[in-house]
Amino acid sequence: MSTDTWIALYPEQERNRTLARRIPAGPKAPRPEPEKISQSNDPSPRMDGRSWLMLIVLSVLWGGSFFFTEIALVDLPPFTLVLGRVAIAAMILWWVVLLRHIVIPHDPKIWLSFLVMGALNNLIPFSLIVWSQTHIVSGLAAILNATTPLFTLIIAHLATKNEKLSRRKVIGVLTGFIGVIIVIGLPDAMEASISNVTNIAALAPFAVLLAAVSYGCAGVFGRRFKNSPPILTAAGQTSASSLMLIPLCILIDTPWNLPFPKTETILAVLGIAAFSTALAYILYFQLLNRAGASNLLLVTFLIPVSAILLGVLFLGETLALRQIAGMAVIGLGLAVIDGRLIGRKGSPRKSPA
């Protein structure tokens, strides 16, 4: 979903880093008291009414990406649609960068990092999700996309030394994957894909899961941008993914052979680019500063709800009862990871010896 997913999943470690940076240097600097720092694992402030409103709007913007995609796919092939999304979003984000007088970097290493981030956070997941929506409804794609925090936790556990899975998070991850099995009916899906290799549509749910894996990799890789202005990172990665998508569109979609898109298709592309990408990035980072990473993780619960409501109300989509139940189990797993169900105070502290 974003470059700051790892902060949302590991808020206590980011808080300790922040506290460490604020401690003045020198021999007279006061030493932090471990008891006071560890009293709460959740550094995020309380959610006020405005924060909740921003969170709901953000979930609608990101949930709306599945809705806009469903409309635009009537006229546009996947790579062309994704290129339109990231290219228009990049132009809007660079405009914001210029308005804020943010210094544009010239170091080639930074732009190479933008290239990697653009592939992991835009090109790969956007393309996989858009392709999957040519075979499954938007609500189901949104439900499966909600597994991103599960994969982020696993990737961070494997790829880093200080972001290991706790017992609570292992339980949450396992619960979430049970929900995935319920949603896609894994035994039936595997049997269908094995018995009929040519049935590419059976692979659509797994494409969304692969997109979630890519988002998870982006969440871990994106740690290197923590000292960079977030809007600059967003503009850089959307620009890089746009450049990578151009040859794919030319070779695969041959857009010059496509009929001119209808008005609703053009509006859908503008909507997914301006609202579900550019504006969503801006709102995301504002909410991150206002409500904190832990509270921002709540948006993961709301995105599928927004996508399902939009699909049912405006696209006439329906979901099976099994898929709704699976979404509830995935939500339960995310709630366990977030800690709100079992408390965030952690294990009782031992008395000092």
Protein backbone atom coordinates (compact mmCIF):
# COMPACT_ATOMS: atom_id res chain seq x y z
CA MET A 1 0.00 0.00 0.00
CA SER A 2 2.84 2.41 0.93
CA THR A 3 6.47 2.88 1.76
CA ASP A 4 5.70 3.25 5.48
CA THR A 5 4.00 -0.11 6.06
CA TRP A 6 6.96 -1.31 8.09
CA ILE A 7 6.51 1.64 10.51
CA ALA A 8 2.87 0.71 11.02
CA LEU A 9 3.81 -2.87 11.82
CA TYR A 10 6.73 -1.99 14.08
CA PRO A 11 5.72 1.30 15.81
CA GLU A 12 7.63 0.62 19.04
CA GLN A 13 10.96 0.26 17.20
CA GLU A 14 10.43 3.49 15.27
CA ARG A 15 9.52 5.22 18.53
CA ASN A 16 12.73 4.06 20.18
CA ARG A 17 14.74 5.37 17.21
CA THR A 18 12.96 8.72 17.47
CA LEU A 19 13.58 8.93 21.20
CA ALA A 20 17.23 8.07 20.70
CA ARG A 21 17.63 10.86 18.15
CA ARG A 22 16.11 13.38 20.57
CA ILE A 23 18.53 12.60 23.42
CA PRO A 24 21.17 15.35 23.50
CA ALA A 25 24.78 14.29 23.11
CA GLY A 26 27.59 15.03 25.58
CA PRO A 27 28.73 13.82 28.97
CA LYS A 28 25.90 15.62 30.81
CA ALA A 29 23.15 14.19 28.62
CA PRO A 30 20.48 12.45 30.74
CA ARG A 31 20.23 8.74 30.17
CA PRO A 32 16.77 7.45 29.20
CA GLU A 33 15.00 5.32 31.77
CA PRO A 34 14.01 1.95 30.24
CA GLU A 35 10.97 1.66 32.49
CA LYS A 36 9.47 4.89 31.19
CA ILE A 37 10.17 4.11 27.53
CA SER A 38 8.61 0.65 27.69
CA GLN A 39 5.43 1.61 29.50
CA SER A 40 3.50 1.61 26.24
CA ASN A 41 4.18 -0.09 22.94
CA ASP A 42 1.86 2.22 21.07
CA PRO A 43 3.26 5.71 20.51
CA SER A 44 0.37 6.81 18.34
CA PRO A 45 -1.89 9.58 19.64
CA ARG A 46 -5.61 9.13 20.12
CA MET A 47 -7.78 9.34 17.03
CA ASP A 48 -9.93 12.46 17.11
CA GLY A 49 -12.92 13.13 14.88
CA ARG A 50 -10.87 14.73 12.12
CA SER A 51 -8.41 11.82 12.08
CA TRP A 52 -11.25 9.32 11.76
CA LEU A 53 -12.72 11.33 8.91
CA MET A 54 -9.35 11.42 7.13
CA LEU A 55 -8.97 7.66 7.67
CA ILE A 56 -12.38 6.93 6.17
CA VAL A 57 -11.70 9.22 3.20
CA LEU A 58 -8.36 7.48 2.62
CA SER A 59 -10.03 4.06 2.69
CA VAL A 60 -12.57 5.27 0.13
CA LEU A 61 -9.79 6.66 -2.10
CA TRP A 62 -7.82 3.41 -2.01
CA GLY A 63 -10.95 1.26 -2.19
CA GLY A 64 -12.06 3.38 -5.12
CA SER A 65 -9.02 2.27 -7.11
CA PHE A 66 -10.65 -1.15 -7.56
CA PHE A 67 -13.90 0.55 -8.60
CA PHE A 68 -12.22 2.85 -11.14
CA THR A 69 -10.20 -0.07 -12.52
CA GLU A 70 -13.35 -2.09 -13.14
CA ILE A 71 -14.79 0.76 -15.22
CA ALA A 72 -11.61 1.55 -17.18
CA LEU A 73 -10.94 -2.09 -18.08
CA VAL A 74 -13.94 -2.02 -20.42
CA ASP A 75 -11.87 -0.03 -22.95
CA LEU A 76 -8.24 -0.27 -21.82
CA PRO A 77 -5.86 -3.23 -21.44
CA PRO A 78 -4.02 -3.60 -18.10
CA PHE A 79 -0.61 -2.06 -18.88
CA THR A 80 -2.13 0.96 -20.62
CA LEU A 81 -4.45 1.55 -17.68
CA VAL A 82 -1.61 1.28 -15.15
CA LEU A 83 0.57 3.63 -17.24
CA GLY A 84 -2.20 6.22 -17.31
CA ARG A 85 -2.61 5.89 -13.55
CA VAL A 86 1.03 6.37 -12.55
CA ALA A 87 1.92 8.93 -15.25
CA ILE A 88 -0.91 11.30 -14.37
CA ALA A 89 -0.28 10.78 -10.65
CA ALA A 90 3.42 11.56 -11.17
CA MET A 91 2.61 14.87 -12.85
CA ILE A 92 0.32 15.87 -9.97
CA LEU A 93 2.87 14.84 -7.33
CA TRP A 94 5.72 16.72 -9.03
CA TRP A 95 3.50 19.79 -9.08
CA VAL A 96 3.10 19.44 -5.30
CA VAL A 97 6.88 18.97 -4.93
CA LEU A 98 7.50 22.23 -6.81
CA LEU A 99 4.85 24.10 -4.84
CA ARG A 100 6.51 23.04 -1.59
CA HIS A 101 9.97 24.00 -2.91
CA ILE A 102 11.35 20.55 -2.12
CA VAL A 103 14.91 20.06 -3.36
CA ILE A 104 15.06 17.49 -6.18
CA PRO A 105 18.00 15.08 -5.71
CA HIS A 106 20.65 14.56 -8.39
CA ASP A 107 22.37 11.51 -6.94
CA PRO A 108 22.01 8.58 -9.41
CA LYS A 109 21.78 6.13 -6.48
CA ILE A 110 18.61 7.81 -5.26
CA TRP A 111 17.01 7.58 -8.69
CA LEU A 112 18.05 3.93 -8.92
CA SER A 113 16.26 3.39 -5.60
CA PHE A 114 13.21 5.15 -7.03
CA LEU A 115 13.37 2.71 -9.94
CA VAL A 116 13.34 -0.31 -7.63
CA MET A 117 10.62 1.21 -5.49
CA GLY A 118 8.56 2.03 -8.56
CA ALA A 119 8.73 -1.60 -9.66
CA LEU A 120 7.89 -3.05 -6.24
CA ASN A 121 5.25 -0.55 -5.15
CA ASN A 122 3.62 0.40 -8.46
CA LEU A 123 4.48 -1.52 -11.62
CA ILE A 124 4.27 -5.10 -10.32
CA PRO A 125 1.34 -4.85 -7.88
CA PHE A 126 -0.75 -2.44 -9.96
CA SER A 127 -0.34 -4.59 -13.09
CA LEU A 128 -1.14 -7.84 -11.27
CA ILE A 129 -4.22 -6.43 -9.56
CA VAL A 130 -5.54 -4.81 -12.74
CA TRP A 131 -5.02 -8.06 -14.67
CA SER A 132 -6.75 -10.03 -11.92
CA GLN A 133 -9.78 -7.75 -12.17
CA THR A 134 -10.29 -8.92 -15.73
CA HIS A 135 -11.31 -12.25 -14.14
CA ILE A 136 -12.56 -11.51 -10.60
CA VAL A 137 -14.75 -8.78 -9.10
CA SER A 138 -13.25 -5.71 -7.48
CA GLY A 139 -14.44 -6.64 -3.98
CA LEU A 140 -12.62 -9.97 -4.02
CA ALA A 141 -9.44 -8.30 -5.28
CA ALA A 142 -9.65 -5.78 -2.43
CA ILE A 143 -10.11 -8.54 0.16
CA LEU A 144 -7.03 -10.42 -1.04
CA ASN A 145 -5.05 -7.18 -1.26
CA ALA A 146 -5.72 -6.68 2.46
CA THR A 147 -3.18 -9.44 3.15
CA THR A 148 -0.33 -6.97 2.45
CA PRO A 149 0.53 -6.48 6.16
CA LEU A 150 0.77 -10.26 6.59
CA PHE A 151 3.40 -10.58 3.86
CA THR A 152 5.18 -7.43 5.07
CA LEU A 153 5.66 -9.00 8.50
CA ILE A 154 7.05 -12.21 7.03
CA ILE A 155 9.41 -10.41 4.63
CA ALA A 156 10.64 -8.08 7.38
CA HIS A 157 11.26 -11.09 9.63
CA LEU A 158 13.34 -12.79 6.93
CA ALA A 159 15.15 -9.73 5.56
CA THR A 160 15.96 -7.73 8.69
CA LYS A 161 17.70 -8.40 11.98
CA ASN A 162 15.61 -6.26 14.28
CA GLU A 163 12.05 -6.76 13.02
CA LYS A 164 11.36 -10.34 14.04
CA LEU A 165 7.90 -11.79 14.46
CA SER A 166 6.52 -11.85 17.99
CA ARG A 167 4.20 -14.61 19.19
CA ARG A 168 1.19 -12.34 18.83
CA LYS A 169 2.08 -11.42 15.26
CA VAL A 170 2.69 -15.07 14.31
CA ILE A 171 -0.82 -15.88 15.54
CA GLY A 172 -2.18 -12.93 13.56
CA VAL A 173 -0.38 -13.98 10.37
CA LEU A 174 -1.59 -17.58 10.64
CA THR A 175 -5.14 -16.38 11.29
CA GLY A 176 -4.96 -14.10 8.27
CA PHE A 177 -3.82 -16.88 5.97
CA ILE A 178 -6.63 -19.11 7.18
CA GLY A 179 -8.90 -16.29 6.01
CA VAL A 180 -7.16 -16.31 2.61
CA ILE A 181 -7.79 -20.04 2.27
CA ILE A 182 -11.46 -19.47 3.06
CA VAL A 183 -11.76 -16.60 0.59
CA ILE A 184 -10.30 -18.35 -2.45
CA GLY A 185 -11.36 -21.88 -1.48
CA LEU A 186 -7.75 -23.03 -1.84
CA PRO A 187 -8.36 -26.79 -2.39
CA ASP A 188 -10.92 -26.11 -5.12
CA ALA A 189 -8.74 -23.41 -6.71
CA MET A 190 -5.67 -25.66 -6.76
CA GLU A 191 -7.64 -28.56 -8.23
CA ALA A 192 -9.09 -26.30 -10.94
CA SER A 193 -5.71 -24.88 -11.91
CA ILE A 194 -4.08 -28.33 -12.02
CA SER A 195 -6.87 -30.03 -13.96
CA ASN A 196 -7.12 -27.22 -16.49
CA VAL A 197 -3.80 -25.49 -17.02
CA THR A 198 -5.28 -23.29 -19.74
CA ASN A 199 -7.77 -21.78 -17.26
CA ILE A 200 -5.78 -18.63 -16.59
CA ALA A 201 -8.73 -17.08 -14.77
CA ALA A 202 -8.15 -19.53 -11.89
CA LEU A 203 -4.81 -17.80 -11.26
CA ALA A 204 -6.36 -14.35 -10.75
CA PRO A 205 -6.70 -14.59 -6.93
CA PHE A 206 -3.07 -15.73 -6.67
CA ALA A 207 -2.02 -12.73 -8.79
CA VAL A 208 -3.48 -10.41 -6.14
CA LEU A 209 -1.60 -12.32 -3.43
CA LEU A 210 1.60 -11.94 -5.44
CA ALA A 211 0.87 -8.22 -5.65
CA ALA A 212 0.57 -8.18 -1.85
CA VAL A 213 3.98 -9.86 -1.64
CA SER A 214 5.40 -7.12 -3.87
CA TYR A 215 3.86 -4.47 -1.61
CA GLY A 216 5.48 -6.22 1.34
CA CYS A 217 8.89 -6.09 -0.34
CA ALA A 218 8.31 -2.40 -1.06
CA GLY A 219 7.47 -1.80 2.58
CA VAL A 220 10.82 -3.23 3.68
CA PHE A 221 12.83 -1.67 0.84
CA GLY A 222 11.17 1.70 1.46
CA ARG A 223 12.94 2.03 4.83
CA ARG A 224 15.82 3.73 3.03
CA PHE A 225 13.53 6.66 2.18
CA LYS A 226 12.65 7.49 5.80
CA ASN A 227 14.80 10.66 5.68
CA SER A 228 13.44 11.73 2.29
CA PRO A 229 10.33 13.93 1.90
CA PRO A 230 7.44 11.46 1.40
CA ILE A 231 5.91 13.38 -1.49
CA LEU A 232 9.28 13.35 -3.27
CA THR A 233 9.50 9.56 -2.83
CA ALA A 234 5.97 9.15 -4.18
CA ALA A 235 6.73 11.39 -7.19
CA GLY A 236 10.01 9.59 -7.86
CA GLN A 237 8.58 6.09 -7.77
CA THR A 238 5.54 6.91 -9.93
CA SER A 239 7.82 8.57 -12.48
CA ALA A 240 10.15 5.56 -12.52
CA SER A 241 7.28 3.11 -12.93
CA SER A 242 5.90 5.23 -15.77
CA LEU A 243 9.18 4.94 -17.65
CA MET A 244 9.24 1.16 -17.16
CA LEU A 245 5.64 0.79 -18.33
CA ILE A 246 6.08 2.61 -21.64
CA PRO A 247 7.91 -0.26 -23.45
CA LEU A 248 5.49 -2.82 -21.96
CA CYS A 249 2.53 -0.89 -23.35
CA ILE A 250 4.16 -0.56 -26.76
CA LEU A 251 5.10 -4.24 -27.02
CA ILE A 252 2.04 -5.86 -25.43
CA ASP A 253 -0.94 -3.51 -25.59
CA THR A 254 -0.12 -1.66 -28.85
CA PRO A 255 -2.34 1.23 -27.71
CA TRP A 256 -2.39 2.88 -31.17
CA ASN A 257 -4.62 0.01 -32.32
CA LEU A 258 -7.16 0.60 -29.54
CA PRO A 259 -10.40 2.48 -30.20
CA PHE A 260 -10.70 5.89 -28.60
CA PRO A 261 -11.90 5.35 -25.00
CA LYS A 262 -15.35 6.42 -23.89
CA THR A 263 -15.90 9.38 -21.59
CA GLU A 264 -16.49 7.22 -18.52
CA THR A 265 -13.22 5.40 -19.18
CA ILE A 266 -11.27 8.65 -19.35
CA LEU A 267 -12.93 9.85 -16.15
CA ALA A 268 -12.12 6.55 -14.44
CA VAL A 269 -8.42 6.85 -15.37
CA LEU A 270 -8.36 10.44 -14.11
CA GLY A 271 -10.10 9.30 -10.93
CA ILE A 272 -7.70 6.47 -10.16
CA ALA A 273 -4.70 8.69 -10.91
CA ALA A 274 -5.76 11.92 -9.21
CA PHE A 275 -7.79 10.56 -6.29
CA SER A 276 -6.72 6.96 -5.64
CA THR A 277 -3.00 7.61 -6.21
CA ALA A 278 -1.86 11.25 -5.96
CA LEU A 279 -4.39 12.55 -3.41
CA ALA A 280 -4.24 9.27 -1.49
CA TYR A 281 -0.46 9.58 -1.13
CA ILE A 282 -0.78 13.15 0.15
CA LEU A 283 -3.56 12.28 2.60
CA TYR A 284 -1.71 9.16 3.76
CA PHE A 285 1.37 11.06 4.86
CA GLN A 286 -0.69 13.81 6.50
CA LEU A 287 -2.58 11.19 8.49
CA LEU A 288 0.67 9.41 9.33
CA ASN A 289 1.96 12.61 10.96
CA ARG A 290 -1.35 13.36 12.66
CA ALA A 291 -2.49 9.97 13.97
CA GLY A 292 0.64 7.84 13.94
CA ALA A 293 1.57 4.63 12.15
CA SER A 294 -0.32 2.26 14.45
CA ASN A 295 -3.65 4.02 13.98
CA LEU A 296 -3.03 4.32 10.25
CA LEU A 297 -2.90 0.53 10.01
CA LEU A 298 -6.69 0.64 10.59
CA VAL A 299 -7.11 1.66 6.96
CA THR A 300 -6.31 -1.95 6.03
CA PHE A 301 -9.62 -2.98 7.62
CA LEU A 302 -11.63 -0.35 5.76
CA ILE A 303 -10.33 -0.61 2.18
CA PRO A 304 -12.16 -3.90 1.35
CA VAL A 305 -15.36 -2.52 2.86
CA SER A 306 -15.17 0.57 0.65
CA ALA A 307 -14.36 -1.48 -2.46
CA ILE A 308 -17.18 -3.94 -1.81
CA LEU A 309 -19.76 -1.20 -1.19
CA LEU A 310 -18.77 0.65 -4.36
CA GLY A 311 -18.86 -2.57 -6.38
CA VAL A 312 -22.25 -3.63 -5.05
CA LEU A 313 -23.89 -0.20 -5.30
CA PHE A 314 -22.58 0.91 -8.70
CA LEU A 315 -21.30 -2.18 -10.55
CA GLY A 316 -23.86 -4.77 -9.50
CA GLU A 317 -21.18 -7.08 -8.09
CA THR A 318 -21.87 -9.84 -5.59
CA LEU A 319 -19.65 -11.85 -3.25
CA ALA A 320 -20.12 -15.38 -2.01
CA LEU A 321 -20.80 -15.91 1.68
CA ARG A 322 -17.48 -17.79 1.90
CA GLN A 323 -15.63 -14.71 0.69
CA ILE A 324 -17.33 -12.46 3.25
CA ALA A 325 -16.47 -14.94 5.99
CA GLY A 326 -12.88 -15.11 4.80
CA MET A 327 -12.66 -11.31 4.88
CA ALA A 328 -13.81 -11.39 8.50
CA VAL A 329 -11.10 -13.93 9.38
CA ILE A 330 -8.43 -11.84 7.59
CA GLY A 331 -9.67 -8.83 9.55
CA LEU A 332 -9.39 -10.84 12.76
CA GLY A 333 -5.79 -11.69 11.92
CA LEU A 334 -4.98 -8.03 11.23
CA ALA A 335 -6.63 -7.04 14.51
CA VAL A 336 -4.45 -9.53 16.39
CA ILE A 337 -1.35 -8.14 14.66
CA ASP A 338 -2.42 -4.60 15.47
CA GLY A 339 -2.91 -5.59 19.12
CA ARG A 340 -6.27 -3.95 19.71
CA LEU A 341 -8.03 -7.24 20.51
CA ILE A 342 -5.61 -8.45 23.15
CA GLY A 343 -4.18 -5.15 24.35
CA ARG A 344 -0.93 -3.41 23.48
CA LYS A 345 0.65 -3.30 26.89
CA GLY A 346 2.63 -6.49 26.31
CA SER A 347 3.61 -8.99 28.98
CA PRO A 348 3.71 -7.90 32.63
CA ARG A 349 6.93 -6.24 33.61
CA LYS A 350 9.18 -8.07 36.06
CA SER A 351 9.95 -6.45 39.36
CA PRO A 352 13.46 -5.05 39.53
CA ALA A 353 15.84 -7.39 41.31
